[in-house]
């Protein structure tokens, strides 16, 4: 990103999505909420309405480019997308059972680790909170993982 010239400030911000086979139709509600929040309510931060967009977050990260700052928003859910990591199709580490127990993942007391366990062979996969990331609007309440939560990473350039 160091070769991008933001000095002209043609745009206040640019939003991008990371999904490989992106379907723009999944962003319609997101952009309508963004426009309402930004232009009508004058709330400039995406974090004010992100919790209403867990469906979009389950499929793609949201990247916001601004002058001197790139911000990435990533949706997370302990059993579906632990700390924003996509759980691959062949989930069981030994590759035989093809799935991990997703209904009740084990979240450590400090909330920094999530453990998923295969229901068949009992193999485990552990996910760790990513460094340089933070929770949007604070960490979710332990045990309340219904809609998931969002992580944010800011990078100055």
C-alpha atoms as a PDB file:
ATOM      1  CA  UNK A   1       0.000   0.000   0.000  1.00  0.00           C
ATOM      2  CA  UNK A   2       2.990   2.337   0.265  1.00  0.00           C
ATOM      3  CA  UNK A   3       2.838   3.211  -3.445  1.00  0.00           C
ATOM      4  CA  UNK A   4      -0.755   4.555  -3.255  1.00  0.00           C
ATOM      5  CA  UNK A   5      -0.980   8.349  -3.301  1.00  0.00           C
ATOM      6  CA  UNK A   6      -3.774   9.452  -0.952  1.00  0.00           C
ATOM      7  CA  UNK A   7      -2.681  13.095  -0.953  1.00  0.00           C
ATOM      8  CA  UNK A   8      -5.297  14.138  -3.538  1.00  0.00           C
ATOM      9  CA  UNK A   9      -8.113  12.976  -1.210  1.00  0.00           C
ATOM     10  CA  UNK A  10     -10.530  12.291  -4.061  1.00  0.00           C
ATOM     11  CA  UNK A  11     -12.491   9.935  -1.800  1.00  0.00           C
ATOM     12  CA  UNK A  12     -13.076  10.070   1.944  1.00  0.00           C
ATOM     13  CA  UNK A  13     -12.944   6.271   2.087  1.00  0.00           C
ATOM     14  CA  UNK A  14     -12.994   3.272  -0.212  1.00  0.00           C
ATOM     15  CA  UNK A  15     -14.631  -0.002   0.837  1.00  0.00           C
ATOM     16  CA  UNK A  16     -13.531  -3.379  -0.503  1.00  0.00           C
ATOM     17  CA  UNK A  17     -14.425  -7.010   0.151  1.00  0.00           C
ATOM     18  CA  UNK A  18     -12.130 -10.056   0.264  1.00  0.00           C
ATOM     19  CA  UNK A  19     -14.372 -12.879  -0.963  1.00  0.00           C
ATOM     20  CA  UNK A  20     -12.863 -14.588  -4.019  1.00  0.00           C
ATOM     21  CA  UNK A  21     -16.161 -15.197  -5.853  1.00  0.00           C
ATOM     22  CA  UNK A  22     -17.845 -12.098  -4.522  1.00  0.00           C
ATOM     23  CA  UNK A  23     -21.586 -11.598  -5.070  1.00  0.00           C
ATOM     24  CA  UNK A  24     -22.437  -7.877  -4.928  1.00  0.00           C
ATOM     25  CA  UNK A  25     -26.080  -8.623  -4.091  1.00  0.00           C
ATOM     26  CA  UNK A  26     -25.079  -9.573  -0.525  1.00  0.00           C
ATOM     27  CA  UNK A  27     -23.943  -5.979   0.064  1.00  0.00           C
ATOM     28  CA  UNK A  28     -27.212  -4.177  -0.717  1.00  0.00           C
ATOM     29  CA  UNK A  29     -28.460  -3.911   2.881  1.00  0.00           C
ATOM     30  CA  UNK A  30     -24.934  -3.117   4.084  1.00  0.00           C
ATOM     31  CA  UNK A  31     -24.613  -0.145   1.714  1.00  0.00           C
ATOM     32  CA  UNK A  32     -28.129   1.101   2.470  1.00  0.00           C
ATOM     33  CA  UNK A  33     -27.311   1.036   6.207  1.00  0.00           C
ATOM     34  CA  UNK A  34     -23.945   2.668   5.547  1.00  0.00           C
ATOM     35  CA  UNK A  35     -25.552   5.511   3.572  1.00  0.00           C
ATOM     36  CA  UNK A  36     -28.183   6.077   6.280  1.00  0.00           C
ATOM     37  CA  UNK A  37     -25.566   6.042   9.030  1.00  0.00           C
ATOM     38  CA  UNK A  38     -23.047   8.188   7.142  1.00  0.00           C
ATOM     39  CA  UNK A  39     -25.204  10.797   5.392  1.00  0.00           C
ATOM     40  CA  UNK A  40     -28.321  11.050   7.563  1.00  0.00           C
ATOM     41  CA  UNK A  41     -27.111  10.272  11.095  1.00  0.00           C
ATOM     42  CA  UNK A  42     -23.569  11.586  10.442  1.00  0.00           C
ATOM     43  CA  UNK A  43     -21.981   8.518  12.046  1.00  0.00           C
ATOM     44  CA  UNK A  44     -18.792   8.013  10.050  1.00  0.00           C
ATOM     45  CA  UNK A  45     -17.667   4.719  11.603  1.00  0.00           C
ATOM     46  CA  UNK A  46     -18.697   1.359  10.163  1.00  0.00           C
ATOM     47  CA  UNK A  47     -18.686  -0.098  13.670  1.00  0.00           C
ATOM     48  CA  UNK A  48     -21.967   1.680  14.470  1.00  0.00           C
ATOM     49  CA  UNK A  49     -23.969  -0.803  12.381  1.00  0.00           C
ATOM     50  CA  UNK A  50     -21.699  -3.822  11.749  1.00  0.00           C
ATOM     51  CA  UNK A  51     -23.550  -6.073  14.204  1.00  0.00           C
ATOM     52  CA  UNK A  52     -26.527  -5.980  11.827  1.00  0.00           C
ATOM     53  CA  UNK A  53     -24.400  -7.550   9.079  1.00  0.00           C
ATOM     54  CA  UNK A  54     -23.168 -10.881  10.358  1.00  0.00           C
ATOM     55  CA  UNK A  55     -24.445 -12.581   7.180  1.00  0.00           C
ATOM     56  CA  UNK A  56     -22.125 -10.449   5.053  1.00  0.00           C
ATOM     57  CA  UNK A  57     -19.294 -10.995   7.540  1.00  0.00           C
ATOM     58  CA  UNK A  58     -19.681 -14.760   7.354  1.00  0.00           C
ATOM     59  CA  UNK A  59     -18.694 -14.554   3.688  1.00  0.00           C
ATOM     60  CA  UNK A  60     -16.163 -11.745   3.424  1.00  0.00           C
ATOM     61  CA  UNK A  61     -13.976  -9.315   5.333  1.00  0.00           C
ATOM     62  CA  UNK A  62     -14.590  -5.607   4.854  1.00  0.00           C
ATOM     63  CA  UNK A  63     -11.572  -3.423   4.112  1.00  0.00           C
ATOM     64  CA  UNK A  64     -11.763   0.345   4.426  1.00  0.00           C
ATOM     65  CA  UNK A  65      -9.055   2.484   2.828  1.00  0.00           C
ATOM     66  CA  UNK A  66      -8.680   6.040   4.106  1.00  0.00           C
ATOM     67  CA  UNK A  67      -5.938   8.633   4.046  1.00  0.00           C
ATOM     68  CA  UNK A  68      -3.008   7.116   5.985  1.00  0.00           C
ATOM     69  CA  UNK A  69      -5.100   4.220   7.394  1.00  0.00           C
ATOM     70  CA  UNK A  70      -6.314   0.817   6.214  1.00  0.00           C
ATOM     71  CA  UNK A  71      -8.903  -0.819   8.464  1.00  0.00           C
ATOM     72  CA  UNK A  72      -9.990  -4.439   8.121  1.00  0.00           C
ATOM     73  CA  UNK A  73     -13.180  -5.725   9.740  1.00  0.00           C
ATOM     74  CA  UNK A  74     -13.547  -9.485  10.186  1.00  0.00           C
ATOM     75  CA  UNK A  75     -16.587 -11.319  11.530  1.00  0.00           C
ATOM     76  CA  UNK A  76     -16.011 -14.082  14.063  1.00  0.00           C
ATOM     77  CA  UNK A  77     -18.079 -16.811  15.683  1.00  0.00           C
ATOM     78  CA  UNK A  78     -16.537 -19.528  17.909  1.00  0.00           C
ATOM     79  CA  UNK A  79     -18.138 -22.476  16.124  1.00  0.00           C
ATOM     80  CA  UNK A  80     -18.391 -21.146  12.575  1.00  0.00           C
ATOM     81  CA  UNK A  81     -15.459 -18.774  12.049  1.00  0.00           C
ATOM     82  CA  UNK A  82     -13.221 -18.811  15.155  1.00  0.00           C
ATOM     83  CA  UNK A  83     -11.409 -15.472  15.415  1.00  0.00           C
ATOM     84  CA  UNK A  84     -12.250 -14.846  11.770  1.00  0.00           C
ATOM     85  CA  UNK A  85     -10.498 -17.995  10.542  1.00  0.00           C
ATOM     86  CA  UNK A  86     -12.408 -19.927   7.919  1.00  0.00           C
ATOM     87  CA  UNK A  87     -12.933 -23.478   9.085  1.00  0.00           C
ATOM     88  CA  UNK A  88     -12.044 -25.570   6.065  1.00  0.00           C
ATOM     89  CA  UNK A  89     -14.380 -28.181   4.577  1.00  0.00           C
ATOM     90  CA  UNK A  90     -12.204 -31.055   5.786  1.00  0.00           C
ATOM     91  CA  UNK A  91     -12.142 -29.856   9.380  1.00  0.00           C
ATOM     92  CA  UNK A  92     -10.925 -32.855  11.377  1.00  0.00           C
ATOM     93  CA  UNK A  93      -7.112 -32.623  11.728  1.00  0.00           C
ATOM     94  CA  UNK A  94      -6.647 -36.349  10.970  1.00  0.00           C
ATOM     95  CA  UNK A  95      -8.733 -35.984   7.788  1.00  0.00           C
ATOM     96  CA  UNK A  96     -10.850 -39.081   8.287  1.00  0.00           C
ATOM     97  CA  UNK A  97     -13.994 -37.785   9.966  1.00  0.00           C
ATOM     98  CA  UNK A  98     -14.261 -34.536   7.996  1.00  0.00           C
ATOM     99  CA  UNK A  99     -15.859 -32.485  10.740  1.00  0.00           C
ATOM    100  CA  UNK A 100     -15.323 -30.905  14.131  1.00  0.00           C
ATOM    101  CA  UNK A 101     -17.902 -30.425  16.831  1.00  0.00           C
ATOM    102  CA  UNK A 102     -19.309 -26.972  16.107  1.00  0.00           C
ATOM    103  CA  UNK A 103     -22.305 -26.791  18.435  1.00  0.00           C
ATOM    104  CA  UNK A 104     -20.348 -26.185  21.622  1.00  0.00           C
ATOM    105  CA  UNK A 105     -16.803 -24.972  21.049  1.00  0.00           C
ATOM    106  CA  UNK A 106     -14.666 -24.511  24.148  1.00  0.00           C
ATOM    107  CA  UNK A 107     -13.669 -20.885  24.720  1.00  0.00           C
ATOM    108  CA  UNK A 108     -10.836 -20.323  27.224  1.00  0.00           C
ATOM    109  CA  UNK A 109     -11.516 -18.274  30.363  1.00  0.00           C
ATOM    110  CA  UNK A 110      -9.576 -15.309  29.043  1.00  0.00           C
ATOM    111  CA  UNK A 111     -11.317 -15.593  25.647  1.00  0.00           C
ATOM    112  CA  UNK A 112      -8.004 -15.863  23.788  1.00  0.00           C
ATOM    113  CA  UNK A 113      -8.359 -19.479  22.578  1.00  0.00           C
ATOM    114  CA  UNK A 114     -11.132 -21.522  21.008  1.00  0.00           C
ATOM    115  CA  UNK A 115     -10.980 -25.308  20.825  1.00  0.00           C
ATOM    116  CA  UNK A 116     -13.079 -27.348  18.417  1.00  0.00           C
ATOM    117  CA  UNK A 117     -13.222 -31.117  18.817  1.00  0.00           C
ATOM    118  CA  UNK A 118     -14.219 -33.851  16.366  1.00  0.00           C
ATOM    119  CA  UNK A 119     -17.288 -35.721  17.604  1.00  0.00           C
ATOM    120  CA  UNK A 120     -16.059 -39.009  16.114  1.00  0.00           C
ATOM    121  CA  UNK A 121     -12.302 -39.375  16.721  1.00  0.00           C
ATOM    122  CA  UNK A 122     -11.908 -36.573  19.331  1.00  0.00           C
ATOM    123  CA  UNK A 123      -9.083 -34.832  17.449  1.00  0.00           C
ATOM    124  CA  UNK A 124      -8.869 -31.136  18.309  1.00  0.00           C
ATOM    125  CA  UNK A 125      -8.102 -27.870  16.559  1.00  0.00           C
ATOM    126  CA  UNK A 126      -7.198 -24.776  18.578  1.00  0.00           C
ATOM    127  CA  UNK A 127      -7.575 -21.201  17.324  1.00  0.00           C
ATOM    128  CA  UNK A 128      -5.816 -18.277  19.013  1.00  0.00           C
ATOM    129  CA  UNK A 129      -6.859 -14.618  19.098  1.00  0.00           C
ATOM    130  CA  UNK A 130      -4.887 -12.882  16.327  1.00  0.00           C
ATOM    131  CA  UNK A 131      -2.203 -10.402  17.341  1.00  0.00           C
ATOM    132  CA  UNK A 132      -2.734  -6.728  16.386  1.00  0.00           C
ATOM    133  CA  UNK A 133      -6.515  -7.217  16.217  1.00  0.00           C
ATOM    134  CA  UNK A 134      -9.149  -5.876  18.622  1.00  0.00           C
ATOM    135  CA  UNK A 135     -12.838  -6.413  19.245  1.00  0.00           C
ATOM    136  CA  UNK A 136     -15.255  -3.925  17.711  1.00  0.00           C
ATOM    137  CA  UNK A 137     -17.327  -2.579  20.631  1.00  0.00           C
ATOM    138  CA  UNK A 138     -15.516  -4.737  23.201  1.00  0.00           C
ATOM    139  CA  UNK A 139     -15.314  -8.507  23.609  1.00  0.00           C
ATOM    140  CA  UNK A 140     -18.582 -10.431  23.380  1.00  0.00           C
ATOM    141  CA  UNK A 141     -20.133 -11.673  26.610  1.00  0.00           C
ATOM    142  CA  UNK A 142     -18.890 -15.207  27.375  1.00  0.00           C
ATOM    143  CA  UNK A 143     -21.475 -17.737  26.261  1.00  0.00           C
ATOM    144  CA  UNK A 144     -23.340 -15.231  24.053  1.00  0.00           C
ATOM    145  CA  UNK A 145     -22.222 -16.231  20.576  1.00  0.00           C
ATOM    146  CA  UNK A 146     -25.567 -16.106  18.793  1.00  0.00           C
ATOM    147  CA  UNK A 147     -24.761 -13.528  16.119  1.00  0.00           C
ATOM    148  CA  UNK A 148     -21.019 -13.576  16.488  1.00  0.00           C
ATOM    149  CA  UNK A 149     -18.884 -10.452  16.814  1.00  0.00           C
ATOM    150  CA  UNK A 150     -16.494  -8.348  14.736  1.00  0.00           C
ATOM    151  CA  UNK A 151     -12.745  -7.899  14.966  1.00  0.00           C
ATOM    152  CA  UNK A 152     -10.875  -4.873  13.652  1.00  0.00           C
ATOM    153  CA  UNK A 153      -7.281  -4.378  12.507  1.00  0.00           C
ATOM    154  CA  UNK A 154      -5.868  -0.918  11.762  1.00  0.00           C
ATOM    155  CA  UNK A 155      -2.726  -0.360   9.747  1.00  0.00           C
ATOM    156  CA  UNK A 156      -1.126   3.038   9.221  1.00  0.00           C
ATOM    157  CA  UNK A 157       0.614   3.764   5.929  1.00  0.00           C
END
